[in-house]
């Protein structure tokens, strides 16, 4: 993620309309409320342009390294392609917002 901006990354993937998928990813946070890192890291997740999750990691107080928190959610494909974006939701004075290990997995039939 680019610090100090509401930018991020996005990808459009092939999907099966009506199928359910598990989206998982990690948000990294470094706690330094008096310095350049703030107290939390926030990533806004959009699917086809619609905000579906605000993932906030507030872990790591007292630790001097980045701490990762896993987020998992289910999405339903509405068409043959699905656009997924991750947008930096931190304040402009926060210098760190980590995103890693993004995966999208087709759920077995009958699993929502």
PDB file of N, CA and C in Angstrom:
ATOM      1  N   UNK A   1       0.849  -1.174   0.000  1.00  0.00           N
ATOM      2  CA  UNK A   1       0.000   0.000   0.000  1.00  0.00           C
ATOM      3  C   UNK A   1       0.896   1.238   0.000  1.00  0.00           C
ATOM      4  N   UNK A   2       0.415   2.269  -0.646  1.00  0.00           N
ATOM      5  CA  UNK A   2       1.144   3.530  -0.682  1.00  0.00           C
ATOM      6  C   UNK A   2       0.752   4.330   0.554  1.00  0.00           C
ATOM      7  N   UNK A   3       1.729   4.694   1.397  1.00  0.00           N
ATOM      8  CA  UNK A   3       1.386   5.442   2.602  1.00  0.00           C
ATOM      9  C   UNK A   3       0.890   6.848   2.274  1.00  0.00           C
ATOM     10  N   UNK A   4       0.109   7.391   3.162  1.00  0.00           N
ATOM     11  CA  UNK A   4      -0.381   8.766   3.101  1.00  0.00           C
ATOM     12  C   UNK A   4      -1.390   9.037   1.997  1.00  0.00           C
ATOM     13  N   UNK A   5      -1.896   8.027   1.313  1.00  0.00           N
ATOM     14  CA  UNK A   5      -2.876   8.266   0.261  1.00  0.00           C
ATOM     15  C   UNK A   5      -3.975   7.213   0.315  1.00  0.00           C
ATOM     16  N   UNK A   6      -5.106   7.537  -0.274  1.00  0.00           N
ATOM     17  CA  UNK A   6      -6.217   6.580  -0.345  1.00  0.00           C
ATOM     18  C   UNK A   6      -6.101   5.774  -1.631  1.00  0.00           C
ATOM     19  N   UNK A   7      -4.920   5.310  -1.934  1.00  0.00           N
ATOM     20  CA  UNK A   7      -4.695   4.474  -3.104  1.00  0.00           C
ATOM     21  C   UNK A   7      -4.598   3.026  -2.672  1.00  0.00           C
ATOM     22  N   UNK A   8      -4.436   2.146  -3.619  1.00  0.00           N
ATOM     23  CA  UNK A   8      -4.319   0.740  -3.277  1.00  0.00           C
ATOM     24  C   UNK A   8      -4.069  -0.094  -4.507  1.00  0.00           C
ATOM     25  N   UNK A   9      -4.575  -1.317  -4.471  1.00  0.00           N
ATOM     26  CA  UNK A   9      -4.406  -2.229  -5.591  1.00  0.00           C
ATOM     27  C   UNK A   9      -5.763  -2.827  -5.943  1.00  0.00           C
ATOM     28  N   UNK A  10      -5.879  -3.278  -7.188  1.00  0.00           N
ATOM     29  CA  UNK A  10      -7.125  -3.886  -7.636  1.00  0.00           C
ATOM     30  C   UNK A  10      -6.818  -4.918  -8.701  1.00  0.00           C
ATOM     31  N   UNK A  11      -7.705  -5.887  -8.804  1.00  0.00           N
ATOM     32  CA  UNK A  11      -7.591  -6.886  -9.858  1.00  0.00           C
ATOM     33  C   UNK A  11      -8.987  -7.392 -10.198  1.00  0.00           C
ATOM     34  N   UNK A  12      -9.206  -7.618 -11.479  1.00  0.00           N
ATOM     35  CA  UNK A  12     -10.445  -8.230 -11.940  1.00  0.00           C
ATOM     36  C   UNK A  12     -10.136  -9.681 -12.266  1.00  0.00           C
ATOM     37  N   UNK A  13     -10.935 -10.580 -11.690  1.00  0.00           N
ATOM     38  CA  UNK A  13     -10.688 -12.015 -11.854  1.00  0.00           C
ATOM     39  C   UNK A  13     -11.906 -12.685 -12.482  1.00  0.00           C
ATOM     40  N   UNK A  14     -11.658 -13.778 -13.200  1.00  0.00           N
ATOM     41  CA  UNK A  14     -12.747 -14.565 -13.772  1.00  0.00           C
ATOM     42  C   UNK A  14     -13.464 -15.310 -12.650  1.00  0.00           C
ATOM     43  N   UNK A  15     -14.788 -15.245 -12.663  1.00  0.00           N
ATOM     44  CA  UNK A  15     -15.594 -15.929 -11.651  1.00  0.00           C
ATOM     45  C   UNK A  15     -16.796 -16.594 -12.321  1.00  0.00           C
ATOM     46  N   UNK A  16     -17.422 -17.484 -11.589  1.00  0.00           N
ATOM     47  CA  UNK A  16     -18.642 -18.149 -12.051  1.00  0.00           C
ATOM     48  C   UNK A  16     -19.835 -17.464 -11.413  1.00  0.00           C
ATOM     49  N   UNK A  17     -20.736 -16.887 -12.211  1.00  0.00           N
ATOM     50  CA  UNK A  17     -21.901 -16.206 -11.626  1.00  0.00           C
ATOM     51  C   UNK A  17     -22.673 -17.114 -10.670  1.00  0.00           C
ATOM     52  N   UNK A  18     -22.979 -16.576  -9.483  1.00  0.00           N
ATOM     53  CA  UNK A  18     -23.723 -17.318  -8.472  1.00  0.00           C
ATOM     54  C   UNK A  18     -22.867 -18.151  -7.542  1.00  0.00           C
ATOM     55  N   UNK A  19     -21.597 -18.337  -7.880  1.00  0.00           N
ATOM     56  CA  UNK A  19     -20.702 -19.131  -7.032  1.00  0.00           C
ATOM     57  C   UNK A  19     -20.198 -18.289  -5.858  1.00  0.00           C
ATOM     58  N   UNK A  20     -19.866 -18.977  -4.755  1.00  0.00           N
ATOM     59  CA  UNK A  20     -19.322 -18.316  -3.574  1.00  0.00           C
ATOM     60  C   UNK A  20     -17.815 -18.543  -3.518  1.00  0.00           C
ATOM     61  N   UNK A  21     -17.108 -17.511  -3.090  1.00  0.00           N
ATOM     62  CA  UNK A  21     -15.642 -17.544  -2.998  1.00  0.00           C
ATOM     63  C   UNK A  21     -15.217 -17.060  -1.619  1.00  0.00           C
ATOM     64  N   UNK A  22     -14.104 -17.599  -1.136  1.00  0.00           N
ATOM     65  CA  UNK A  22     -13.513 -17.116   0.105  1.00  0.00           C
ATOM     66  C   UNK A  22     -12.354 -16.200  -0.250  1.00  0.00           C
ATOM     67  N   UNK A  23     -12.436 -14.968   0.231  1.00  0.00           N
ATOM     68  CA  UNK A  23     -11.372 -13.982   0.053  1.00  0.00           C
ATOM     69  C   UNK A  23     -10.644 -13.860   1.381  1.00  0.00           C
ATOM     70  N   UNK A  24      -9.340 -14.061   1.369  1.00  0.00           N
ATOM     71  CA  UNK A  24      -8.563 -13.900   2.603  1.00  0.00           C
ATOM     72  C   UNK A  24      -7.314 -13.074   2.314  1.00  0.00           C
ATOM     73  N   UNK A  25      -6.847 -12.379   3.350  1.00  0.00           N
ATOM     74  CA  UNK A  25      -5.673 -11.507   3.228  1.00  0.00           C
ATOM     75  C   UNK A  25      -5.213 -11.117   4.628  1.00  0.00           C
ATOM     76  N   UNK A  26      -4.016 -10.579   4.703  1.00  0.00           N
ATOM     77  CA  UNK A  26      -3.455 -10.105   5.966  1.00  0.00           C
ATOM     78  C   UNK A  26      -3.231  -8.603   5.892  1.00  0.00           C
ATOM     79  N   UNK A  27      -3.522  -7.915   7.003  1.00  0.00           N
ATOM     80  CA  UNK A  27      -3.231  -6.495   7.151  1.00  0.00           C
ATOM     81  C   UNK A  27      -2.142  -6.370   8.206  1.00  0.00           C
ATOM     82  N   UNK A  28      -1.066  -5.668   7.853  1.00  0.00           N
ATOM     83  CA  UNK A  28       0.054  -5.475   8.777  1.00  0.00           C
ATOM     84  C   UNK A  28      -0.021  -4.124   9.458  1.00  0.00           C
ATOM     85  N   UNK A  29       0.347  -4.102  10.744  1.00  0.00           N
ATOM     86  CA  UNK A  29       0.310  -2.875  11.531  1.00  0.00           C
ATOM     87  C   UNK A  29       1.559  -2.737  12.386  1.00  0.00           C
ATOM     88  N   UNK A  30       2.038  -1.503  12.484  1.00  0.00           N
ATOM     89  CA  UNK A  30       3.119  -1.144  13.399  1.00  0.00           C
ATOM     90  C   UNK A  30       2.555  -0.059  14.306  1.00  0.00           C
ATOM     91  N   UNK A  31       2.619  -0.265  15.622  1.00  0.00           N
ATOM     92  CA  UNK A  31       2.063   0.703  16.570  1.00  0.00           C
ATOM     93  C   UNK A  31       3.145   1.686  17.006  1.00  0.00           C
ATOM     94  N   UNK A  32       2.867   2.960  16.771  1.00  0.00           N
ATOM     95  CA  UNK A  32       3.742   4.055  17.214  1.00  0.00           C
ATOM     96  C   UNK A  32       2.901   5.329  17.187  1.00  0.00           C
ATOM     97  N   UNK A  33       1.937   5.457  18.124  1.00  0.00           N
ATOM     98  CA  UNK A  33       0.986   6.563  18.069  1.00  0.00           C
ATOM     99  C   UNK A  33       1.620   7.947  18.153  1.00  0.00           C
ATOM    100  N   UNK A  34       2.830   8.055  18.653  1.00  0.00           N
ATOM    101  CA  UNK A  34       3.498   9.363  18.717  1.00  0.00           C
ATOM    102  C   UNK A  34       4.451   9.573  17.547  1.00  0.00           C
ATOM    103  N   UNK A  35       4.572   8.572  16.694  1.00  0.00           N
ATOM    104  CA  UNK A  35       5.494   8.668  15.566  1.00  0.00           C
ATOM    105  C   UNK A  35       4.760   8.601  14.240  1.00  0.00           C
ATOM    106  N   UNK A  36       5.438   8.018  13.268  1.00  0.00           N
ATOM    107  CA  UNK A  36       4.926   8.009  11.894  1.00  0.00           C
ATOM    108  C   UNK A  36       3.993   6.847  11.586  1.00  0.00           C
ATOM    109  N   UNK A  37       3.753   5.948  12.549  1.00  0.00           N
ATOM    110  CA  UNK A  37       2.986   4.760  12.219  1.00  0.00           C
ATOM    111  C   UNK A  37       1.571   4.721  12.783  1.00  0.00           C
ATOM    112  N   UNK A  38       1.204   5.591  13.686  1.00  0.00           N
ATOM    113  CA  UNK A  38      -0.152   5.574  14.240  1.00  0.00           C
ATOM    114  C   UNK A  38      -0.382   4.382  15.145  1.00  0.00           C
ATOM    115  N   UNK A  39      -1.649   4.043  15.372  1.00  0.00           N
ATOM    116  CA  UNK A  39      -1.992   2.959  16.290  1.00  0.00           C
ATOM    117  C   UNK A  39      -2.690   1.799  15.593  1.00  0.00           C
ATOM    118  N   UNK A  40      -3.078   1.986  14.333  1.00  0.00           N
ATOM    119  CA  UNK A  40      -3.777   0.918  13.613  1.00  0.00           C
ATOM    120  C   UNK A  40      -3.527   1.052  12.118  1.00  0.00           C
ATOM    121  N   UNK A  41      -3.856  -0.005  11.402  1.00  0.00           N
ATOM    122  CA  UNK A  41      -3.800   0.001   9.937  1.00  0.00           C
ATOM    123  C   UNK A  41      -5.154  -0.448   9.422  1.00  0.00           C
ATOM    124  N   UNK A  42      -5.679   0.290   8.449  1.00  0.00           N
ATOM    125  CA  UNK A  42      -7.007   0.016   7.923  1.00  0.00           C
ATOM    126  C   UNK A  42      -6.951  -0.159   6.408  1.00  0.00           C
ATOM    127  N   UNK A  43      -7.602  -1.212   5.928  1.00  0.00           N
ATOM    128  CA  UNK A  43      -7.733  -1.462   4.494  1.00  0.00           C
ATOM    129  C   UNK A  43      -9.219  -1.588   4.183  1.00  0.00           C
ATOM    130  N   UNK A  44      -9.666  -0.816   3.202  1.00  0.00           N
ATOM    131  CA  UNK A  44     -11.064  -0.895   2.755  1.00  0.00           C
ATOM    132  C   UNK A  44     -11.128  -1.819   1.556  1.00  0.00           C
ATOM    133  N   UNK A  45     -11.987  -2.826   1.638  1.00  0.00           N
ATOM    134  CA  UNK A  45     -12.125  -3.820   0.582  1.00  0.00           C
ATOM    135  C   UNK A  45     -13.396  -3.525  -0.212  1.00  0.00           C
ATOM    136  N   UNK A  46     -13.241  -3.420  -1.525  1.00  0.00           N
ATOM    137  CA  UNK A  46     -14.381  -3.206  -2.404  1.00  0.00           C
ATOM    138  C   UNK A  46     -14.491  -4.369  -3.373  1.00  0.00           C
ATOM    139  N   UNK A  47     -15.720  -4.792  -3.632  1.00  0.00           N
ATOM    140  CA  UNK A  47     -16.008  -5.814  -4.635  1.00  0.00           C
ATOM    141  C   UNK A  47     -16.941  -5.177  -5.653  1.00  0.00           C
ATOM    142  N   UNK A  48     -16.488  -5.148  -6.893  1.00  0.00           N
ATOM    143  CA  UNK A  48     -17.240  -4.491  -7.970  1.00  0.00           C
ATOM    144  C   UNK A  48     -17.615  -3.058  -7.597  1.00  0.00           C
ATOM    145  N   UNK A  49     -16.672  -2.360  -6.948  1.00  0.00           N
ATOM    146  CA  UNK A  49     -16.856  -0.961  -6.592  1.00  0.00           C
ATOM    147  C   UNK A  49     -17.633  -0.703  -5.322  1.00  0.00           C
ATOM    148  N   UNK A  50     -18.177  -1.734  -4.699  1.00  0.00           N
ATOM    149  CA  UNK A  50     -18.969  -1.568  -3.477  1.00  0.00           C
ATOM    150  C   UNK A  50     -18.133  -1.943  -2.254  1.00  0.00           C
ATOM    151  N   UNK A  51     -18.108  -1.060  -1.252  1.00  0.00           N
ATOM    152  CA  UNK A  51     -17.388  -1.344  -0.007  1.00  0.00           C
ATOM    153  C   UNK A  51     -18.050  -2.519   0.700  1.00  0.00           C
ATOM    154  N   UNK A  52     -17.276  -3.584   0.945  1.00  0.00           N
ATOM    155  CA  UNK A  52     -17.831  -4.778   1.600  1.00  0.00           C
ATOM    156  C   UNK A  52     -17.185  -5.057   2.955  1.00  0.00           C
ATOM    157  N   UNK A  53     -16.038  -4.445   3.214  1.00  0.00           N
ATOM    158  CA  UNK A  53     -15.358  -4.688   4.487  1.00  0.00           C
ATOM    159  C   UNK A  53     -14.360  -3.579   4.757  1.00  0.00           C
ATOM    160  N   UNK A  54     -14.317  -3.136   6.006  1.00  0.00           N
ATOM    161  CA  UNK A  54     -13.245  -2.261   6.475  1.00  0.00           C
ATOM    162  C   UNK A  54     -12.438  -3.093   7.461  1.00  0.00           C
ATOM    163  N   UNK A  55     -11.255  -3.519   7.024  1.00  0.00           N
ATOM    164  CA  UNK A  55     -10.400  -4.402   7.825  1.00  0.00           C
ATOM    165  C   UNK A  55      -9.414  -3.544   8.620  1.00  0.00           C
ATOM    166  N   UNK A  56      -9.540  -3.580   9.942  1.00  0.00           N
ATOM    167  CA  UNK A  56      -8.698  -2.746  10.803  1.00  0.00           C
ATOM    168  C   UNK A  56      -7.874  -3.631  11.742  1.00  0.00           C
ATOM    169  N   UNK A  57      -6.572  -3.460  11.694  1.00  0.00           N
ATOM    170  CA  UNK A  57      -5.647  -4.174  12.572  1.00  0.00           C
ATOM    171  C   UNK A  57      -5.097  -3.181  13.587  1.00  0.00           C
ATOM    172  N   UNK A  58      -5.413  -3.388  14.866  1.00  0.00           N
ATOM    173  CA  UNK A  58      -4.925  -2.528  15.947  1.00  0.00           C
ATOM    174  C   UNK A  58      -3.945  -3.266  16.847  1.00  0.00           C
ATOM    175  N   UNK A  59      -3.471  -4.429  16.393  1.00  0.00           N
ATOM    176  CA  UNK A  59      -2.559  -5.232  17.216  1.00  0.00           C
ATOM    177  C   UNK A  59      -1.130  -4.702  17.099  1.00  0.00           C
ATOM    178  N   UNK A  60      -0.307  -5.053  18.070  1.00  0.00           N
ATOM    179  CA  UNK A  60       1.114  -4.753  18.003  1.00  0.00           C
ATOM    180  C   UNK A  60       1.636  -3.789  19.047  1.00  0.00           C
ATOM    181  N   UNK A  61       0.797  -3.333  19.972  1.00  0.00           N
ATOM    182  CA  UNK A  61       1.278  -2.427  21.013  1.00  0.00           C
ATOM    183  C   UNK A  61       2.386  -3.104  21.811  1.00  0.00           C
ATOM    184  N   UNK A  62       3.488  -2.411  21.999  1.00  0.00           N
ATOM    185  CA  UNK A  62       4.610  -2.940  22.757  1.00  0.00           C
ATOM    186  C   UNK A  62       5.553  -3.813  21.939  1.00  0.00           C
ATOM    187  N   UNK A  63       5.264  -3.984  20.660  1.00  0.00           N
ATOM    188  CA  UNK A  63       6.107  -4.791  19.774  1.00  0.00           C
ATOM    189  C   UNK A  63       6.789  -3.849  18.795  1.00  0.00           C
ATOM    190  N   UNK A  64       8.039  -4.093  18.478  1.00  0.00           N
ATOM    191  CA  UNK A  64       8.777  -3.179  17.610  1.00  0.00           C
ATOM    192  C   UNK A  64       8.812  -3.617  16.151  1.00  0.00           C
ATOM    193  N   UNK A  65       7.930  -4.523  15.773  1.00  0.00           N
ATOM    194  CA  UNK A  65       7.898  -4.957  14.372  1.00  0.00           C
ATOM    195  C   UNK A  65       6.453  -5.007  13.889  1.00  0.00           C
ATOM    196  N   UNK A  66       6.283  -5.167  12.605  1.00  0.00           N
ATOM    197  CA  UNK A  66       4.951  -5.243  12.026  1.00  0.00           C
ATOM    198  C   UNK A  66       4.256  -6.523  12.470  1.00  0.00           C
ATOM    199  N   UNK A  67       2.983  -6.382  12.884  1.00  0.00           N
ATOM    200  CA  UNK A  67       2.171  -7.503  13.340  1.00  0.00           C
ATOM    201  C   UNK A  67       1.044  -7.685  12.321  1.00  0.00           C
ATOM    202  N   UNK A  68       0.826  -8.933  11.917  1.00  0.00           N
ATOM    203  CA  UNK A  68      -0.139  -9.233  10.867  1.00  0.00           C
ATOM    204  C   UNK A  68      -1.410  -9.841  11.439  1.00  0.00           C
ATOM    205  N   UNK A  69      -2.554  -9.429  10.897  1.00  0.00           N
ATOM    206  CA  UNK A  69      -3.851  -9.976  11.282  1.00  0.00           C
ATOM    207  C   UNK A  69      -4.546 -10.472  10.017  1.00  0.00           C
ATOM    208  N   UNK A  70      -5.077 -11.705  10.092  1.00  0.00           N
ATOM    209  CA  UNK A  70      -5.756 -12.301   8.944  1.00  0.00           C
ATOM    210  C   UNK A  70      -7.231 -11.919   8.935  1.00  0.00           C
ATOM    211  N   UNK A  71      -7.728 -11.635   7.741  1.00  0.00           N
ATOM    212  CA  UNK A  71      -9.144 -11.344   7.533  1.00  0.00           C
ATOM    213  C   UNK A  71      -9.653 -12.303   6.466  1.00  0.00           C
ATOM    214  N   UNK A  72     -10.859 -12.821   6.672  1.00  0.00           N
ATOM    215  CA  UNK A  72     -11.474 -13.758   5.738  1.00  0.00           C
ATOM    216  C   UNK A  72     -12.941 -13.396   5.577  1.00  0.00           C
ATOM    217  N   UNK A  73     -13.409 -13.444   4.358  1.00  0.00           N
ATOM    218  CA  UNK A  73     -14.812 -13.159   4.098  1.00  0.00           C
ATOM    219  C   UNK A  73     -15.273 -13.962   2.888  1.00  0.00           C
ATOM    220  N   UNK A  74     -16.577 -14.132   2.771  1.00  0.00           N
ATOM    221  CA  UNK A  74     -17.164 -14.828   1.634  1.00  0.00           C
ATOM    222  C   UNK A  74     -17.806 -13.807   0.711  1.00  0.00           C
ATOM    223  N   UNK A  75     -17.571 -13.980  -0.585  1.00  0.00           N
ATOM    224  CA  UNK A  75     -18.226 -13.125  -1.563  1.00  0.00           C
ATOM    225  C   UNK A  75     -18.957 -14.001  -2.578  1.00  0.00           C
ATOM    226  N   UNK A  76     -20.032 -13.464  -3.122  1.00  0.00           N
ATOM    227  CA  UNK A  76     -20.795 -14.181  -4.146  1.00  0.00           C
ATOM    228  C   UNK A  76     -20.571 -13.478  -5.482  1.00  0.00           C
ATOM    229  N   UNK A  77     -20.144 -14.235  -6.467  1.00  0.00           N
ATOM    230  CA  UNK A  77     -19.924 -13.674  -7.795  1.00  0.00           C
ATOM    231  C   UNK A  77     -21.263 -13.360  -8.445  1.00  0.00           C
ATOM    232  N   UNK A  78     -21.371 -12.194  -9.038  1.00  0.00           N
ATOM    233  CA  UNK A  78     -22.612 -11.806  -9.708  1.00  0.00           C
ATOM    234  C   UNK A  78     -22.475 -11.833 -11.223  1.00  0.00           C
ATOM    235  N   UNK A  79     -21.263 -12.084 -11.691  1.00  0.00           N
ATOM    236  CA  UNK A  79     -21.028 -12.108 -13.126  1.00  0.00           C
ATOM    237  C   UNK A  79     -19.791 -12.919 -13.461  1.00  0.00           C
ATOM    238  N   UNK A  80     -19.414 -12.951 -14.733  1.00  0.00           N
ATOM    239  CA  UNK A  80     -18.252 -13.741 -15.152  1.00  0.00           C
ATOM    240  C   UNK A  80     -16.915 -13.126 -14.751  1.00  0.00           C
ATOM    241  N   UNK A  81     -16.947 -11.890 -14.280  1.00  0.00           N
ATOM    242  CA  UNK A  81     -15.743 -11.229 -13.772  1.00  0.00           C
ATOM    243  C   UNK A  81     -16.095 -10.490 -12.493  1.00  0.00           C
ATOM    244  N   UNK A  82     -15.147 -10.483 -11.558  1.00  0.00           N
ATOM    245  CA  UNK A  82     -15.336  -9.775 -10.294  1.00  0.00           C
ATOM    246  C   UNK A  82     -14.118  -8.901 -10.043  1.00  0.00           C
ATOM    247  N   UNK A  83     -14.359  -7.614  -9.793  1.00  0.00           N
ATOM    248  CA  UNK A  83     -13.282  -6.662  -9.495  1.00  0.00           C
ATOM    249  C   UNK A  83     -13.139  -6.545  -7.980  1.00  0.00           C
ATOM    250  N   UNK A  84     -11.923  -6.767  -7.487  1.00  0.00           N
ATOM    251  CA  UNK A  84     -11.645  -6.686  -6.054  1.00  0.00           C
ATOM    252  C   UNK A  84     -10.564  -5.629  -5.855  1.00  0.00           C
ATOM    253  N   UNK A  85     -10.804  -4.701  -4.941  1.00  0.00           N
ATOM    254  CA  UNK A  85      -9.807  -3.666  -4.667  1.00  0.00           C
ATOM    255  C   UNK A  85      -9.570  -3.532  -3.173  1.00  0.00           C
ATOM    256  N   UNK A  86      -8.347  -3.154  -2.842  1.00  0.00           N
ATOM    257  CA  UNK A  86      -7.895  -2.932  -1.464  1.00  0.00           C
ATOM    258  C   UNK A  86      -7.370  -1.505  -1.401  1.00  0.00           C
ATOM    259  N   UNK A  87      -8.026  -0.658  -0.604  1.00  0.00           N
ATOM    260  CA  UNK A  87      -7.703   0.760  -0.538  1.00  0.00           C
ATOM    261  C   UNK A  87      -7.172   1.106   0.852  1.00  0.00           C
ATOM    262  N   UNK A  88      -6.072   1.860   0.879  1.00  0.00           N
ATOM    263  CA  UNK A  88      -5.490   2.320   2.130  1.00  0.00           C
ATOM    264  C   UNK A  88      -6.490   3.211   2.849  1.00  0.00           C
ATOM    265  N   UNK A  89      -6.852   2.842   4.084  1.00  0.00           N
ATOM    266  CA  UNK A  89      -7.806   3.614   4.869  1.00  0.00           C
ATOM    267  C   UNK A  89      -7.180   4.356   6.030  1.00  0.00           C
ATOM    268  N   UNK A  90      -5.842   4.415   6.064  1.00  0.00           N
ATOM    269  CA  UNK A  90      -5.162   5.104   7.164  1.00  0.00           C
ATOM    270  C   UNK A  90      -5.198   6.620   6.995  1.00  0.00           C
ATOM    271  N   UNK A  91      -4.994   7.325   8.104  1.00  0.00           N
ATOM    272  CA  UNK A  91      -4.892   8.779   8.082  1.00  0.00           C
ATOM    273  C   UNK A  91      -3.650   9.180   7.294  1.00  0.00           C
ATOM    274  N   UNK A  92      -3.649  10.388   6.792  1.00  0.00           N
ATOM    275  CA  UNK A  92      -2.559  10.841   5.930  1.00  0.00           C
ATOM    276  C   UNK A  92      -1.205  10.916   6.642  1.00  0.00           C
ATOM    277  N   UNK A  93      -1.192  10.979   7.979  1.00  0.00           N
ATOM    278  CA  UNK A  93       0.085  11.048   8.694  1.00  0.00           C
ATOM    279  C   UNK A  93       0.600   9.678   9.142  1.00  0.00           C
ATOM    280  N   UNK A  94      -0.091   8.607   8.747  1.00  0.00           N
ATOM    281  CA  UNK A  94       0.315   7.242   9.099  1.00  0.00           C
ATOM    282  C   UNK A  94       1.167   6.687   7.958  1.00  0.00           C
ATOM    283  N   UNK A  95       2.379   6.290   8.260  1.00  0.00           N
ATOM    284  CA  UNK A  95       3.340   5.870   7.243  1.00  0.00           C
ATOM    285  C   UNK A  95       3.345   4.377   6.938  1.00  0.00           C
ATOM    286  N   UNK A  96       2.476   3.580   7.562  1.00  0.00           N
ATOM    287  CA  UNK A  96       2.539   2.135   7.327  1.00  0.00           C
ATOM    288  C   UNK A  96       1.142   1.517   7.280  1.00  0.00           C
ATOM    289  N   UNK A  97       0.891   0.779   6.222  1.00  0.00           N
ATOM    290  CA  UNK A  97      -0.336   0.006   6.093  1.00  0.00           C
ATOM    291  C   UNK A  97       0.025  -1.199   5.225  1.00  0.00           C
ATOM    292  N   UNK A  98       0.154  -2.376   5.830  1.00  0.00           N
ATOM    293  CA  UNK A  98       0.604  -3.557   5.102  1.00  0.00           C
ATOM    294  C   UNK A  98      -0.545  -4.395   4.574  1.00  0.00           C
ATOM    295  N   UNK A  99      -0.318  -4.998   3.405  1.00  0.00           N
ATOM    296  CA  UNK A  99      -1.269  -5.930   2.807  1.00  0.00           C
ATOM    297  C   UNK A  99      -0.456  -7.073   2.230  1.00  0.00           C
ATOM    298  N   UNK A 100      -0.851  -8.322   2.549  1.00  0.00           N
ATOM    299  CA  UNK A 100      -0.074  -9.469   2.084  1.00  0.00           C
ATOM    300  C   UNK A 100      -0.966 -10.701   1.964  1.00  0.00           C
ATOM    301  N   UNK A 101      -0.483 -11.663   1.203  1.00  0.00           N
ATOM    302  CA  UNK A 101      -1.070 -13.007   1.090  1.00  0.00           C
ATOM    303  C   UNK A 101      -2.551 -12.980   0.719  1.00  0.00           C
ATOM    304  N   UNK A 102      -2.899 -12.207  -0.282  1.00  0.00           N
ATOM    305  CA  UNK A 102      -4.277 -12.144  -0.756  1.00  0.00           C
ATOM    306  C   UNK A 102      -4.587 -13.418  -1.537  1.00  0.00           C
ATOM    307  N   UNK A 103      -5.734 -14.042  -1.221  1.00  0.00           N
ATOM    308  CA  UNK A 103      -6.143 -15.224  -1.998  1.00  0.00           C
ATOM    309  C   UNK A 103      -7.653 -15.225  -2.169  1.00  0.00           C
ATOM    310  N   UNK A 104      -8.083 -15.765  -3.316  1.00  0.00           N
ATOM    311  CA  UNK A 104      -9.489 -15.938  -3.610  1.00  0.00           C
ATOM    312  C   UNK A 104      -9.680 -17.383  -4.018  1.00  0.00           C
ATOM    313  N   UNK A 105     -10.514 -18.111  -3.262  1.00  0.00           N
ATOM    314  CA  UNK A 105     -10.681 -19.544  -3.461  1.00  0.00           C
ATOM    315  C   UNK A 105     -12.162 -19.854  -3.685  1.00  0.00           C
ATOM    316  N   UNK A 106     -12.445 -20.649  -4.702  1.00  0.00           N
ATOM    317  CA  UNK A 106     -13.816 -21.086  -4.976  1.00  0.00           C
ATOM    318  C   UNK A 106     -14.268 -22.024  -3.868  1.00  0.00           C
ATOM    319  N   UNK A 107     -15.425 -21.739  -3.281  1.00  0.00           N
ATOM    320  CA  UNK A 107     -15.980 -22.621  -2.246  1.00  0.00           C
ATOM    321  C   UNK A 107     -16.560 -23.874  -2.890  1.00  0.00           C
ATOM    322  N   UNK A 108     -16.528 -24.995  -2.168  1.00  0.00           N
ATOM    323  CA  UNK A 108     -17.179 -26.207  -2.687  1.00  0.00           C
ATOM    324  C   UNK A 108     -18.675 -25.972  -2.880  1.00  0.00           C
ATOM    325  N   UNK A 109     -19.322 -26.695  -3.775  1.00  0.00           N
ATOM    326  CA  UNK A 109     -20.771 -26.535  -3.967  1.00  0.00           C
ATOM    327  C   UNK A 109     -21.520 -26.673  -2.639  1.00  0.00           C
ATOM    328  N   UNK A 110     -22.465 -25.774  -2.416  1.00  0.00           N
ATOM    329  CA  UNK A 110     -23.271 -25.814  -1.201  1.00  0.00           C
ATOM    330  C   UNK A 110     -22.674 -25.082  -0.025  1.00  0.00           C
ATOM    331  N   UNK A 111     -21.441 -24.572  -0.144  1.00  0.00           N
ATOM    332  CA  UNK A 111     -20.796 -23.840   0.949  1.00  0.00           C
ATOM    333  C   UNK A 111     -20.833 -22.346   0.613  1.00  0.00           C
ATOM    334  N   UNK A 112     -21.527 -21.612   1.479  1.00  0.00           N
ATOM    335  CA  UNK A 112     -21.645 -20.162   1.263  1.00  0.00           C
ATOM    336  C   UNK A 112     -20.724 -19.409   2.171  1.00  0.00           C
TER     337      UNK A 112
END
